[in-house]
Amino acid sequence: MAVIDVRAFGKLYFLFREREWDNPLHYEIKGPLSADELREKLEIPAEDVEAVFINRVIKPLSTTLGDGDRVAFVPPGVPSIHRFNLGFYDVKEKGEQEQAK
């Protein structure tokens, strides 16, 4: 089985603590799945995830995960200048363009 590391920040950090999960959480996957599918499996509400880092790079939630990937979910509320510098705006735009195809 493949294993990924899942990290949580801000509000999501407290969700992990409430569920008594490690941070990072070592999560076994049976095959490829997207970051959004992982979010669903972890029962993290969609409105609580604004962005996802995969291997330290901001990526669309549709990105497929594999063995050894490091995933970090980021909740809404990151100050505006940091959102731009981290690439949140660009990724959301790309994700919306991919879904429109």
N, C-alpha and C. Protein backbone atom coordinates (compact mmCIF):
# COMPACT_ATOMS: atom_id res chain seq x y z
N MET A 1 0.83 -1.20 0.00
CA MET A 1 0.00 0.00 0.00
C MET A 1 0.86 1.25 0.00
N ALA A 2 0.31 2.29 -0.57
CA ALA A 2 0.99 3.58 -0.61
C ALA A 2 0.64 4.38 0.64
N VAL A 3 1.57 5.20 1.07
CA VAL A 3 1.35 6.04 2.25
C VAL A 3 1.66 7.48 1.88
N ILE A 4 0.77 8.38 2.30
CA ILE A 4 0.99 9.81 2.13
C ILE A 4 0.97 10.46 3.51
N ASP A 5 1.61 11.61 3.62
CA ASP A 5 1.57 12.41 4.85
C ASP A 5 0.60 13.55 4.63
N VAL A 6 -0.32 13.72 5.57
CA VAL A 6 -1.32 14.77 5.47
C VAL A 6 -1.12 15.73 6.64
N ARG A 7 -1.00 17.00 6.32
CA ARG A 7 -0.83 18.04 7.34
C ARG A 7 -2.02 18.98 7.29
N ALA A 8 -2.26 19.63 8.41
CA ALA A 8 -3.36 20.58 8.49
C ALA A 8 -2.87 21.86 9.16
N PHE A 9 -3.41 22.97 8.70
CA PHE A 9 -3.03 24.27 9.24
C PHE A 9 -4.27 25.03 9.70
N GLY A 10 -4.05 26.03 10.55
CA GLY A 10 -5.13 26.89 11.01
C GLY A 10 -6.26 26.11 11.64
N LYS A 11 -7.46 26.41 11.22
CA LYS A 11 -8.67 25.76 11.73
C LYS A 11 -8.60 24.24 11.60
N LEU A 12 -8.00 23.77 10.53
CA LEU A 12 -7.93 22.34 10.28
C LEU A 12 -7.00 21.64 11.27
N TYR A 13 -6.00 22.35 11.77
CA TYR A 13 -5.12 21.80 12.80
C TYR A 13 -5.95 21.38 14.01
N PHE A 14 -6.91 22.22 14.39
CA PHE A 14 -7.75 21.93 15.55
C PHE A 14 -8.70 20.77 15.26
N LEU A 15 -9.13 20.63 14.02
CA LEU A 15 -9.96 19.49 13.63
C LEU A 15 -9.16 18.19 13.80
N PHE A 16 -7.91 18.20 13.37
CA PHE A 16 -7.05 17.02 13.54
C PHE A 16 -6.90 16.70 15.03
N ARG A 17 -6.66 17.70 15.84
CA ARG A 17 -6.51 17.48 17.30
C ARG A 17 -7.78 16.92 17.89
N GLU A 18 -8.93 17.47 17.48
CA GLU A 18 -10.22 17.01 17.99
C GLU A 18 -10.43 15.53 17.67
N ARG A 19 -9.98 15.11 16.51
CA ARG A 19 -10.13 13.71 16.09
C ARG A 19 -8.97 12.83 16.58
N GLU A 20 -8.06 13.45 17.32
CA GLU A 20 -6.90 12.76 17.88
C GLU A 20 -6.02 12.14 16.80
N TRP A 21 -5.86 12.88 15.71
CA TRP A 21 -4.99 12.46 14.61
C TRP A 21 -3.62 13.10 14.78
N ASP A 22 -2.61 12.41 14.35
CA ASP A 22 -1.27 13.00 14.29
C ASP A 22 -1.25 14.08 13.22
N ASN A 23 -0.31 15.00 13.36
CA ASN A 23 -0.10 16.03 12.35
C ASN A 23 1.40 16.13 12.13
N PRO A 24 1.96 15.43 11.14
CA PRO A 24 1.26 14.87 9.99
C PRO A 24 0.60 13.52 10.29
N LEU A 25 -0.47 13.30 9.56
CA LEU A 25 -1.20 12.05 9.62
C LEU A 25 -0.65 11.15 8.51
N HIS A 26 -0.19 9.97 8.86
CA HIS A 26 0.28 9.01 7.86
C HIS A 26 -0.94 8.22 7.41
N TYR A 27 -1.29 8.39 6.14
CA TYR A 27 -2.55 7.84 5.62
C TYR A 27 -2.26 6.86 4.50
N GLU A 28 -2.77 5.64 4.63
CA GLU A 28 -2.58 4.63 3.60
C GLU A 28 -3.64 4.77 2.52
N ILE A 29 -3.20 4.71 1.27
CA ILE A 29 -4.13 4.74 0.14
C ILE A 29 -3.94 3.46 -0.67
N LYS A 30 -5.03 2.98 -1.24
CA LYS A 30 -4.99 1.73 -2.00
C LYS A 30 -4.63 1.95 -3.46
N GLY A 31 -4.75 3.16 -3.92
CA GLY A 31 -4.44 3.49 -5.31
C GLY A 31 -4.50 4.99 -5.47
N PRO A 32 -4.32 5.45 -6.69
CA PRO A 32 -4.35 6.89 -6.93
C PRO A 32 -5.69 7.51 -6.54
N LEU A 33 -5.63 8.67 -5.95
CA LEU A 33 -6.83 9.45 -5.69
C LEU A 33 -6.44 10.91 -5.70
N SER A 34 -7.43 11.77 -5.90
CA SER A 34 -7.15 13.20 -5.95
C SER A 34 -7.10 13.77 -4.54
N ALA A 35 -6.55 14.95 -4.42
CA ALA A 35 -6.51 15.63 -3.12
C ALA A 35 -7.93 15.87 -2.63
N ASP A 36 -8.86 16.16 -3.53
CA ASP A 36 -10.24 16.38 -3.13
C ASP A 36 -10.89 15.08 -2.66
N GLU A 37 -10.58 13.97 -3.30
CA GLU A 37 -11.09 12.68 -2.83
C GLU A 37 -10.53 12.35 -1.45
N LEU A 38 -9.28 12.69 -1.22
CA LEU A 38 -8.68 12.50 0.10
C LEU A 38 -9.42 13.33 1.13
N ARG A 39 -9.70 14.59 0.78
CA ARG A 39 -10.46 15.46 1.69
C ARG A 39 -11.79 14.82 2.05
N GLU A 40 -12.47 14.25 1.06
CA GLU A 40 -13.75 13.58 1.32
C GLU A 40 -13.57 12.37 2.23
N LYS A 41 -12.56 11.55 1.98
CA LYS A 41 -12.31 10.36 2.81
C LYS A 41 -12.02 10.74 4.26
N LEU A 42 -11.37 11.88 4.45
CA LEU A 42 -11.06 12.36 5.79
C LEU A 42 -12.23 13.10 6.43
N GLU A 43 -13.31 13.25 5.66
CA GLU A 43 -14.51 13.95 6.11
C GLU A 43 -14.21 15.37 6.55
N ILE A 44 -13.41 16.05 5.73
CA ILE A 44 -13.13 17.47 5.94
C ILE A 44 -14.08 18.24 5.03
N PRO A 45 -14.92 19.12 5.58
CA PRO A 45 -15.88 19.85 4.75
C PRO A 45 -15.18 20.67 3.65
N ALA A 46 -15.76 20.65 2.46
CA ALA A 46 -15.19 21.36 1.32
C ALA A 46 -14.99 22.84 1.62
N GLU A 47 -15.92 23.43 2.36
CA GLU A 47 -15.81 24.87 2.65
C GLU A 47 -14.67 25.18 3.61
N ASP A 48 -14.10 24.16 4.23
CA ASP A 48 -12.98 24.35 5.16
C ASP A 48 -11.61 24.22 4.49
N VAL A 49 -11.60 23.99 3.17
CA VAL A 49 -10.33 23.85 2.44
C VAL A 49 -10.33 24.84 1.28
N GLU A 50 -9.41 25.79 1.36
CA GLU A 50 -9.29 26.76 0.27
C GLU A 50 -8.22 26.35 -0.72
N ALA A 51 -7.18 25.71 -0.22
CA ALA A 51 -6.06 25.36 -1.08
C ALA A 51 -5.38 24.11 -0.55
N VAL A 52 -4.57 23.52 -1.42
CA VAL A 52 -3.81 22.34 -1.01
C VAL A 52 -2.39 22.45 -1.55
N PHE A 53 -1.44 22.15 -0.69
CA PHE A 53 -0.05 22.05 -1.10
C PHE A 53 0.25 20.57 -1.26
N ILE A 54 0.88 20.21 -2.36
CA ILE A 54 1.32 18.84 -2.58
C ILE A 54 2.81 18.91 -2.83
N ASN A 55 3.56 18.29 -1.94
CA ASN A 55 5.02 18.33 -2.00
C ASN A 55 5.53 19.76 -2.05
N ARG A 56 4.92 20.60 -1.19
CA ARG A 56 5.31 22.00 -0.98
C ARG A 56 4.99 22.93 -2.14
N VAL A 57 4.15 22.50 -3.06
CA VAL A 57 3.75 23.34 -4.19
C VAL A 57 2.23 23.42 -4.20
N ILE A 58 1.69 24.63 -4.35
CA ILE A 58 0.24 24.78 -4.40
C ILE A 58 -0.27 24.12 -5.68
N LYS A 59 -1.31 23.31 -5.55
CA LYS A 59 -1.85 22.55 -6.68
C LYS A 59 -3.37 22.58 -6.63
N PRO A 60 -4.02 22.29 -7.75
CA PRO A 60 -5.48 22.16 -7.74
C PRO A 60 -5.89 20.93 -6.93
N LEU A 61 -7.07 20.98 -6.33
CA LEU A 61 -7.57 19.84 -5.56
C LEU A 61 -7.79 18.61 -6.43
N SER A 62 -7.82 18.78 -7.73
CA SER A 62 -8.00 17.65 -8.65
C SER A 62 -6.70 16.87 -8.89
N THR A 63 -5.58 17.34 -8.35
CA THR A 63 -4.29 16.69 -8.54
C THR A 63 -4.29 15.29 -7.94
N THR A 64 -3.79 14.32 -8.70
CA THR A 64 -3.72 12.93 -8.25
C THR A 64 -2.54 12.74 -7.31
N LEU A 65 -2.80 12.05 -6.21
CA LEU A 65 -1.78 11.78 -5.20
C LEU A 65 -1.22 10.38 -5.37
N GLY A 66 0.02 10.22 -4.93
CA GLY A 66 0.65 8.91 -5.00
C GLY A 66 1.53 8.66 -3.78
N ASP A 67 2.14 7.50 -3.76
CA ASP A 67 2.96 7.08 -2.64
C ASP A 67 4.04 8.11 -2.31
N GLY A 68 4.14 8.44 -1.04
CA GLY A 68 5.18 9.35 -0.56
C GLY A 68 4.84 10.82 -0.67
N ASP A 69 3.70 11.16 -1.26
CA ASP A 69 3.33 12.57 -1.37
C ASP A 69 3.09 13.18 0.00
N ARG A 70 3.38 14.47 0.09
CA ARG A 70 3.12 15.24 1.29
C ARG A 70 2.03 16.24 0.95
N VAL A 71 0.92 16.15 1.65
CA VAL A 71 -0.26 16.96 1.36
C VAL A 71 -0.54 17.86 2.55
N ALA A 72 -0.83 19.13 2.28
CA ALA A 72 -1.18 20.07 3.34
C ALA A 72 -2.42 20.83 2.93
N PHE A 73 -3.49 20.66 3.71
CA PHE A 73 -4.73 21.40 3.46
C PHE A 73 -4.67 22.73 4.17
N VAL A 74 -5.10 23.79 3.46
CA VAL A 74 -5.08 25.14 4.01
C VAL A 74 -6.51 25.67 4.03
N PRO A 75 -6.98 26.13 5.18
CA PRO A 75 -8.35 26.65 5.28
C PRO A 75 -8.45 28.08 4.76
N PRO A 76 -9.67 28.57 4.54
CA PRO A 76 -9.84 29.98 4.16
C PRO A 76 -9.34 30.88 5.29
N GLY A 77 -9.01 32.10 4.94
CA GLY A 77 -8.62 33.07 5.96
C GLY A 77 -7.19 33.51 5.90
N VAL A 78 -6.41 32.99 4.94
CA VAL A 78 -5.03 33.44 4.80
C VAL A 78 -5.08 34.89 4.29
N PRO A 79 -4.34 35.81 4.91
CA PRO A 79 -4.36 37.21 4.49
C PRO A 79 -4.07 37.38 3.00
N SER A 80 -4.65 38.40 2.39
CA SER A 80 -4.65 38.57 0.93
C SER A 80 -3.27 38.59 0.29
N ILE A 81 -2.30 39.29 0.84
CA ILE A 81 -0.99 39.34 0.19
C ILE A 81 -0.35 37.95 0.16
N HIS A 82 -0.55 37.18 1.21
CA HIS A 82 0.01 35.83 1.25
C HIS A 82 -0.70 34.92 0.26
N ARG A 83 -1.98 35.14 0.06
CA ARG A 83 -2.74 34.34 -0.90
C ARG A 83 -2.16 34.51 -2.30
N PHE A 84 -1.83 35.73 -2.65
CA PHE A 84 -1.25 36.01 -3.96
C PHE A 84 0.14 35.40 -4.06
N ASN A 85 0.98 35.63 -3.05
CA ASN A 85 2.35 35.11 -3.08
C ASN A 85 2.41 33.59 -3.09
N LEU A 86 1.46 32.94 -2.42
CA LEU A 86 1.44 31.48 -2.37
C LEU A 86 0.79 30.87 -3.61
N GLY A 87 0.14 31.70 -4.43
CA GLY A 87 -0.43 31.20 -5.67
C GLY A 87 -1.87 30.73 -5.57
N PHE A 88 -2.58 31.08 -4.51
CA PHE A 88 -3.96 30.63 -4.37
C PHE A 88 -4.82 31.08 -5.53
N TYR A 89 -4.70 32.34 -5.96
CA TYR A 89 -5.56 32.86 -7.02
C TYR A 89 -5.32 32.11 -8.32
N ASP A 90 -4.06 31.91 -8.68
CA ASP A 90 -3.69 31.25 -9.92
C ASP A 90 -4.21 29.82 -9.97
N VAL A 91 -4.09 29.09 -8.88
CA VAL A 91 -4.51 27.69 -8.83
C VAL A 91 -6.02 27.58 -8.96
N LYS A 92 -6.75 28.44 -8.28
CA LYS A 92 -8.21 28.39 -8.37
C LYS A 92 -8.64 28.64 -9.81
N GLU A 93 -8.01 29.61 -10.46
CA GLU A 93 -8.34 29.93 -11.84
C GLU A 93 -8.05 28.75 -12.76
N LYS A 94 -6.90 28.10 -12.58
CA LYS A 94 -6.55 26.93 -13.39
C LYS A 94 -7.52 25.79 -13.16
N GLY A 95 -7.88 25.56 -11.89
CA GLY A 95 -8.83 24.50 -11.56
C GLY A 95 -10.18 24.73 -12.19
N GLU A 96 -10.64 25.98 -12.19
CA GLU A 96 -11.92 26.30 -12.82
C GLU A 96 -11.84 26.10 -14.32
N GLN A 97 -10.70 26.45 -14.93
CA GLN A 97 -10.54 26.25 -16.37
C GLN A 97 -10.54 24.77 -16.71
N GLU A 98 -9.89 23.94 -15.88
CA GLU A 98 -9.85 22.48 -16.12
C GLU A 98 -11.25 21.89 -16.04
N GLN A 99 -12.05 22.36 -15.09
CA GLN A 99 -13.40 21.82 -14.92
C GLN A 99 -14.30 22.23 -16.08
N ALA A 100 -14.04 23.37 -16.69
CA ALA A 100 -14.86 23.87 -17.79
C ALA A 100 -14.62 23.06 -19.07
N LYS A 101 -13.49 22.36 -19.15
CA LYS A 101 -13.16 21.60 -20.38
C LYS A 101 -14.01 20.36 -20.53
